[in-house]
């Protein structure tokens, strides 16, 4: 019966680690009145060489979908306050617009 408390502690530690990892992938909270406008987020992505097809708010970030310079489909997240890339995400190798 001593195994049960150890198992519960191990499961709780694993769950908190997974939650912390997920939170690290998202943007820090920024009130909506301090977000850069959507057109500025688009210009930022385009200045990095991306062809933007869709932009939306997602998990506290600007989520940008489009294509890179090679025509590969991309998704990246921009910090809502300054437009810096938080992380490229869901790179979709093999999918192109060609």
N, C-alpha and C. Protein backbone atom coordinates (compact mmCIF):
# COMPACT_ATOMS: atom_id res chain seq x y z
N UNK A 1 0.80 -1.20 0.00
CA UNK A 1 0.00 0.00 0.00
C UNK A 1 0.85 1.27 0.00
N UNK A 2 2.15 1.15 0.31
CA UNK A 2 3.02 2.33 0.30
C UNK A 2 3.28 2.80 -1.13
N UNK A 3 3.04 1.97 -2.12
CA UNK A 3 3.28 2.34 -3.51
C UNK A 3 2.27 3.37 -4.00
N UNK A 4 1.07 3.33 -3.47
CA UNK A 4 0.02 4.24 -3.94
C UNK A 4 0.40 5.70 -3.72
N UNK A 5 0.84 6.13 -2.53
CA UNK A 5 1.22 7.53 -2.37
C UNK A 5 2.38 7.93 -3.29
N UNK A 6 3.33 7.04 -3.49
CA UNK A 6 4.45 7.32 -4.38
C UNK A 6 3.97 7.49 -5.81
N UNK A 7 3.06 6.64 -6.22
CA UNK A 7 2.49 6.73 -7.57
C UNK A 7 1.72 8.03 -7.76
N UNK A 8 0.95 8.42 -6.76
CA UNK A 8 0.18 9.66 -6.84
C UNK A 8 1.12 10.86 -6.94
N UNK A 9 2.18 10.88 -6.18
CA UNK A 9 3.15 11.98 -6.24
C UNK A 9 3.81 12.02 -7.61
N UNK A 10 4.16 10.87 -8.14
CA UNK A 10 4.81 10.82 -9.46
C UNK A 10 3.86 11.33 -10.55
N UNK A 11 2.60 10.94 -10.49
CA UNK A 11 1.63 11.41 -11.47
C UNK A 11 1.40 12.91 -11.36
N UNK A 12 1.33 13.42 -10.14
CA UNK A 12 1.13 14.86 -9.95
C UNK A 12 2.32 15.65 -10.48
N UNK A 13 3.51 15.15 -10.26
CA UNK A 13 4.71 15.83 -10.76
C UNK A 13 4.74 15.83 -12.27
N UNK A 14 4.36 14.73 -12.89
CA UNK A 14 4.32 14.64 -14.35
C UNK A 14 3.28 15.61 -14.92
N UNK A 15 2.13 15.68 -14.31
CA UNK A 15 1.07 16.57 -14.78
C UNK A 15 1.49 18.03 -14.66
N UNK A 16 2.14 18.41 -13.55
CA UNK A 16 2.56 19.80 -13.39
C UNK A 16 3.67 20.14 -14.37
N UNK A 17 4.54 19.19 -14.69
CA UNK A 17 5.59 19.43 -15.69
C UNK A 17 4.97 19.66 -17.06
N UNK A 18 3.98 18.86 -17.43
CA UNK A 18 3.32 19.02 -18.73
C UNK A 18 2.60 20.36 -18.80
N UNK A 19 1.95 20.77 -17.73
CA UNK A 19 1.26 22.05 -17.72
C UNK A 19 2.25 23.20 -17.85
N UNK A 20 3.38 23.12 -17.17
CA UNK A 20 4.41 24.16 -17.28
C UNK A 20 4.97 24.23 -18.69
N UNK A 21 5.16 23.09 -19.32
CA UNK A 21 5.69 23.07 -20.69
C UNK A 21 4.70 23.69 -21.65
N UNK A 22 3.41 23.42 -21.47
CA UNK A 22 2.41 24.02 -22.35
C UNK A 22 2.35 25.52 -22.15
N UNK A 23 2.44 25.97 -20.91
CA UNK A 23 2.37 27.41 -20.65
C UNK A 23 3.57 28.13 -21.24
N UNK A 24 4.73 27.50 -21.29
CA UNK A 24 5.92 28.12 -21.85
C UNK A 24 5.78 28.34 -23.35
N UNK A 25 4.91 27.60 -24.01
CA UNK A 25 4.71 27.73 -25.45
C UNK A 25 3.82 28.91 -25.81
N UNK A 26 3.13 29.48 -24.86
CA UNK A 26 2.18 30.55 -25.14
C UNK A 26 2.80 31.90 -24.83
N UNK A 27 2.17 32.94 -25.35
CA UNK A 27 2.63 34.29 -25.07
C UNK A 27 2.25 34.68 -23.64
N UNK A 28 3.03 35.58 -23.08
CA UNK A 28 2.69 36.13 -21.77
C UNK A 28 1.43 36.98 -21.91
N UNK A 29 0.69 37.09 -20.84
CA UNK A 29 -0.55 37.86 -20.88
C UNK A 29 -0.26 39.33 -21.16
N UNK A 30 -0.98 39.87 -22.13
CA UNK A 30 -0.94 41.30 -22.46
C UNK A 30 -2.38 41.74 -22.63
N UNK A 31 -2.81 42.79 -21.91
CA UNK A 31 -4.19 43.27 -22.10
C UNK A 31 -4.43 43.64 -23.57
N UNK A 32 -5.63 43.40 -24.04
CA UNK A 32 -5.94 43.61 -25.47
C UNK A 32 -5.71 45.06 -25.92
N UNK A 33 -5.85 46.00 -25.03
CA UNK A 33 -5.63 47.40 -25.43
C UNK A 33 -4.15 47.73 -25.65
N UNK A 34 -3.26 46.80 -25.30
CA UNK A 34 -1.82 47.00 -25.53
C UNK A 34 -1.30 46.15 -26.68
N UNK A 35 -2.18 45.41 -27.36
CA UNK A 35 -1.76 44.60 -28.51
C UNK A 35 -1.45 45.52 -29.69
N UNK A 36 -0.48 45.11 -30.51
CA UNK A 36 -0.25 45.83 -31.75
C UNK A 36 -1.43 45.54 -32.67
N UNK A 37 -1.76 46.47 -33.56
CA UNK A 37 -2.87 46.22 -34.50
C UNK A 37 -2.55 45.05 -35.44
N UNK A 38 -3.58 44.42 -35.94
CA UNK A 38 -3.41 43.26 -36.81
C UNK A 38 -2.58 43.61 -38.05
N UNK A 39 -2.77 44.82 -38.61
CA UNK A 39 -2.00 45.18 -39.80
C UNK A 39 -0.51 45.30 -39.49
N UNK A 40 -0.17 45.69 -38.27
CA UNK A 40 1.24 45.75 -37.86
C UNK A 40 1.81 44.34 -37.70
N UNK A 41 1.00 43.40 -37.20
CA UNK A 41 1.44 42.00 -37.08
C UNK A 41 1.68 41.41 -38.48
N UNK A 42 0.82 41.75 -39.43
CA UNK A 42 0.99 41.28 -40.81
C UNK A 42 2.27 41.85 -41.40
N UNK A 43 2.49 43.16 -41.23
CA UNK A 43 3.71 43.77 -41.76
C UNK A 43 4.96 43.16 -41.16
N UNK A 44 4.91 42.84 -39.86
CA UNK A 44 6.06 42.21 -39.20
C UNK A 44 6.37 40.86 -39.84
N UNK A 45 5.34 40.03 -40.02
CA UNK A 45 5.55 38.71 -40.63
C UNK A 45 6.06 38.85 -42.05
N UNK A 46 5.51 39.79 -42.81
CA UNK A 46 5.96 40.00 -44.18
C UNK A 46 7.40 40.50 -44.22
N UNK A 47 7.79 41.32 -43.25
CA UNK A 47 9.17 41.81 -43.21
C UNK A 47 10.16 40.69 -42.93
N UNK A 48 9.67 39.60 -42.35
CA UNK A 48 10.51 38.42 -42.10
C UNK A 48 10.54 37.47 -43.30
N UNK A 49 9.82 37.83 -44.36
CA UNK A 49 9.84 37.05 -45.58
C UNK A 49 8.69 36.08 -45.76
N UNK A 50 7.67 36.18 -44.93
CA UNK A 50 6.53 35.28 -45.04
C UNK A 50 5.42 35.91 -45.88
N UNK A 51 4.72 35.07 -46.63
CA UNK A 51 3.51 35.47 -47.34
C UNK A 51 2.35 35.12 -46.42
N UNK A 52 1.67 36.12 -45.92
CA UNK A 52 0.63 35.94 -44.91
C UNK A 52 -0.71 35.65 -45.58
N UNK A 53 -1.38 34.60 -45.12
CA UNK A 53 -2.71 34.24 -45.62
C UNK A 53 -3.79 34.45 -44.57
N UNK A 54 -3.45 34.26 -43.29
CA UNK A 54 -4.44 34.39 -42.22
C UNK A 54 -3.74 34.79 -40.93
N UNK A 55 -4.38 35.68 -40.19
CA UNK A 55 -3.89 36.09 -38.87
C UNK A 55 -5.08 36.11 -37.92
N UNK A 56 -4.87 35.54 -36.73
CA UNK A 56 -5.92 35.55 -35.72
C UNK A 56 -5.30 35.54 -34.33
N UNK A 57 -6.10 35.90 -33.34
CA UNK A 57 -5.66 35.82 -31.95
C UNK A 57 -5.78 34.37 -31.51
N UNK A 58 -4.71 33.86 -30.87
CA UNK A 58 -4.74 32.47 -30.41
C UNK A 58 -3.82 32.33 -29.21
N UNK A 59 -4.35 31.85 -28.11
CA UNK A 59 -3.58 31.61 -26.89
C UNK A 59 -2.77 32.84 -26.47
N UNK A 60 -3.34 34.02 -26.63
CA UNK A 60 -2.67 35.24 -26.20
C UNK A 60 -1.61 35.74 -27.16
N UNK A 61 -1.56 35.18 -28.36
CA UNK A 61 -0.58 35.59 -29.37
C UNK A 61 -1.30 35.95 -30.66
N UNK A 62 -0.60 36.62 -31.55
CA UNK A 62 -1.04 36.71 -32.94
C UNK A 62 -0.55 35.44 -33.62
N UNK A 63 -1.46 34.65 -34.17
CA UNK A 63 -1.10 33.44 -34.90
C UNK A 63 -1.13 33.76 -36.38
N UNK A 64 -0.02 33.52 -37.05
CA UNK A 64 0.11 33.85 -38.47
C UNK A 64 0.25 32.55 -39.26
N UNK A 65 -0.56 32.39 -40.28
CA UNK A 65 -0.44 31.26 -41.19
C UNK A 65 -0.16 31.79 -42.58
N UNK A 66 0.65 31.06 -43.31
CA UNK A 66 0.98 31.47 -44.66
C UNK A 66 2.04 30.57 -45.25
N UNK A 67 2.96 31.19 -46.00
CA UNK A 67 4.00 30.43 -46.70
C UNK A 67 5.35 31.10 -46.50
N UNK A 68 6.39 30.26 -46.47
CA UNK A 68 7.74 30.82 -46.41
C UNK A 68 8.24 31.10 -47.82
N UNK A 69 9.48 31.53 -47.94
CA UNK A 69 10.00 31.92 -49.26
C UNK A 69 10.12 30.75 -50.22
N UNK A 70 10.09 29.52 -49.69
CA UNK A 70 10.16 28.33 -50.54
C UNK A 70 8.79 27.77 -50.88
N UNK A 71 7.75 28.45 -50.41
CA UNK A 71 6.39 28.00 -50.69
C UNK A 71 5.86 26.98 -49.70
N UNK A 72 6.62 26.70 -48.63
CA UNK A 72 6.16 25.74 -47.61
C UNK A 72 5.19 26.44 -46.67
N UNK A 73 4.13 25.74 -46.30
CA UNK A 73 3.13 26.28 -45.39
C UNK A 73 3.73 26.44 -44.00
N UNK A 74 3.45 27.57 -43.34
CA UNK A 74 3.98 27.83 -42.00
C UNK A 74 2.89 28.32 -41.08
N UNK A 75 3.18 28.22 -39.79
CA UNK A 75 2.37 28.84 -38.74
C UNK A 75 3.37 29.34 -37.71
N UNK A 76 3.23 30.58 -37.32
CA UNK A 76 4.11 31.10 -36.28
C UNK A 76 3.31 32.00 -35.36
N UNK A 77 3.86 32.24 -34.16
CA UNK A 77 3.19 33.05 -33.17
C UNK A 77 4.01 34.30 -32.90
N UNK A 78 3.32 35.45 -32.89
CA UNK A 78 3.96 36.72 -32.62
C UNK A 78 3.51 37.25 -31.27
N UNK A 79 4.47 37.84 -30.54
CA UNK A 79 4.16 38.50 -29.28
C UNK A 79 3.15 39.61 -29.56
N UNK A 80 2.07 39.68 -28.81
CA UNK A 80 1.02 40.65 -29.11
C UNK A 80 1.41 42.10 -28.83
N UNK A 81 2.42 42.32 -28.00
CA UNK A 81 2.81 43.67 -27.63
C UNK A 81 3.84 44.29 -28.57
N UNK A 82 4.72 43.43 -29.14
CA UNK A 82 5.81 43.98 -29.96
C UNK A 82 5.98 43.32 -31.32
N UNK A 83 5.25 42.25 -31.59
CA UNK A 83 5.31 41.60 -32.90
C UNK A 83 6.50 40.68 -33.10
N UNK A 84 7.31 40.47 -32.07
CA UNK A 84 8.45 39.57 -32.21
C UNK A 84 7.96 38.12 -32.26
N UNK A 85 8.68 37.29 -33.00
CA UNK A 85 8.32 35.88 -33.10
C UNK A 85 8.55 35.21 -31.75
N UNK A 86 7.49 34.63 -31.21
CA UNK A 86 7.59 33.89 -29.96
C UNK A 86 8.14 32.51 -30.26
N UNK A 87 7.54 31.87 -31.26
CA UNK A 87 8.05 30.58 -31.71
C UNK A 87 7.42 30.23 -33.04
N UNK A 88 8.23 29.70 -33.91
CA UNK A 88 7.61 29.10 -35.10
C UNK A 88 6.95 27.81 -34.63
N UNK A 89 5.83 27.46 -35.18
CA UNK A 89 5.11 26.29 -34.71
C UNK A 89 4.44 25.58 -35.87
N UNK A 90 4.29 24.30 -35.71
CA UNK A 90 3.55 23.50 -36.70
C UNK A 90 4.07 23.70 -38.11
N UNK A 91 5.38 23.70 -38.26
CA UNK A 91 5.92 23.79 -39.60
C UNK A 91 5.41 22.57 -40.36
N UNK A 92 4.95 22.76 -41.52
CA UNK A 92 4.29 21.71 -42.27
C UNK A 92 5.15 21.33 -43.47
N UNK A 93 6.20 20.53 -43.23
CA UNK A 93 7.07 20.17 -44.34
C UNK A 93 6.33 19.38 -45.41
N UNK A 94 6.71 19.63 -46.64
CA UNK A 94 6.12 18.88 -47.73
C UNK A 94 4.86 19.50 -48.29
N UNK A 95 4.30 20.47 -47.61
CA UNK A 95 3.09 21.13 -48.09
C UNK A 95 3.48 22.46 -48.68
N UNK A 96 3.20 22.63 -49.91
CA UNK A 96 3.51 23.90 -50.52
C UNK A 96 2.32 24.36 -51.34
N UNK A 97 2.38 25.60 -51.75
CA UNK A 97 1.28 26.16 -52.53
C UNK A 97 1.44 25.85 -54.00
N UNK A 98 2.55 25.27 -54.37
CA UNK A 98 2.82 24.98 -55.78
C UNK A 98 2.10 23.75 -56.24
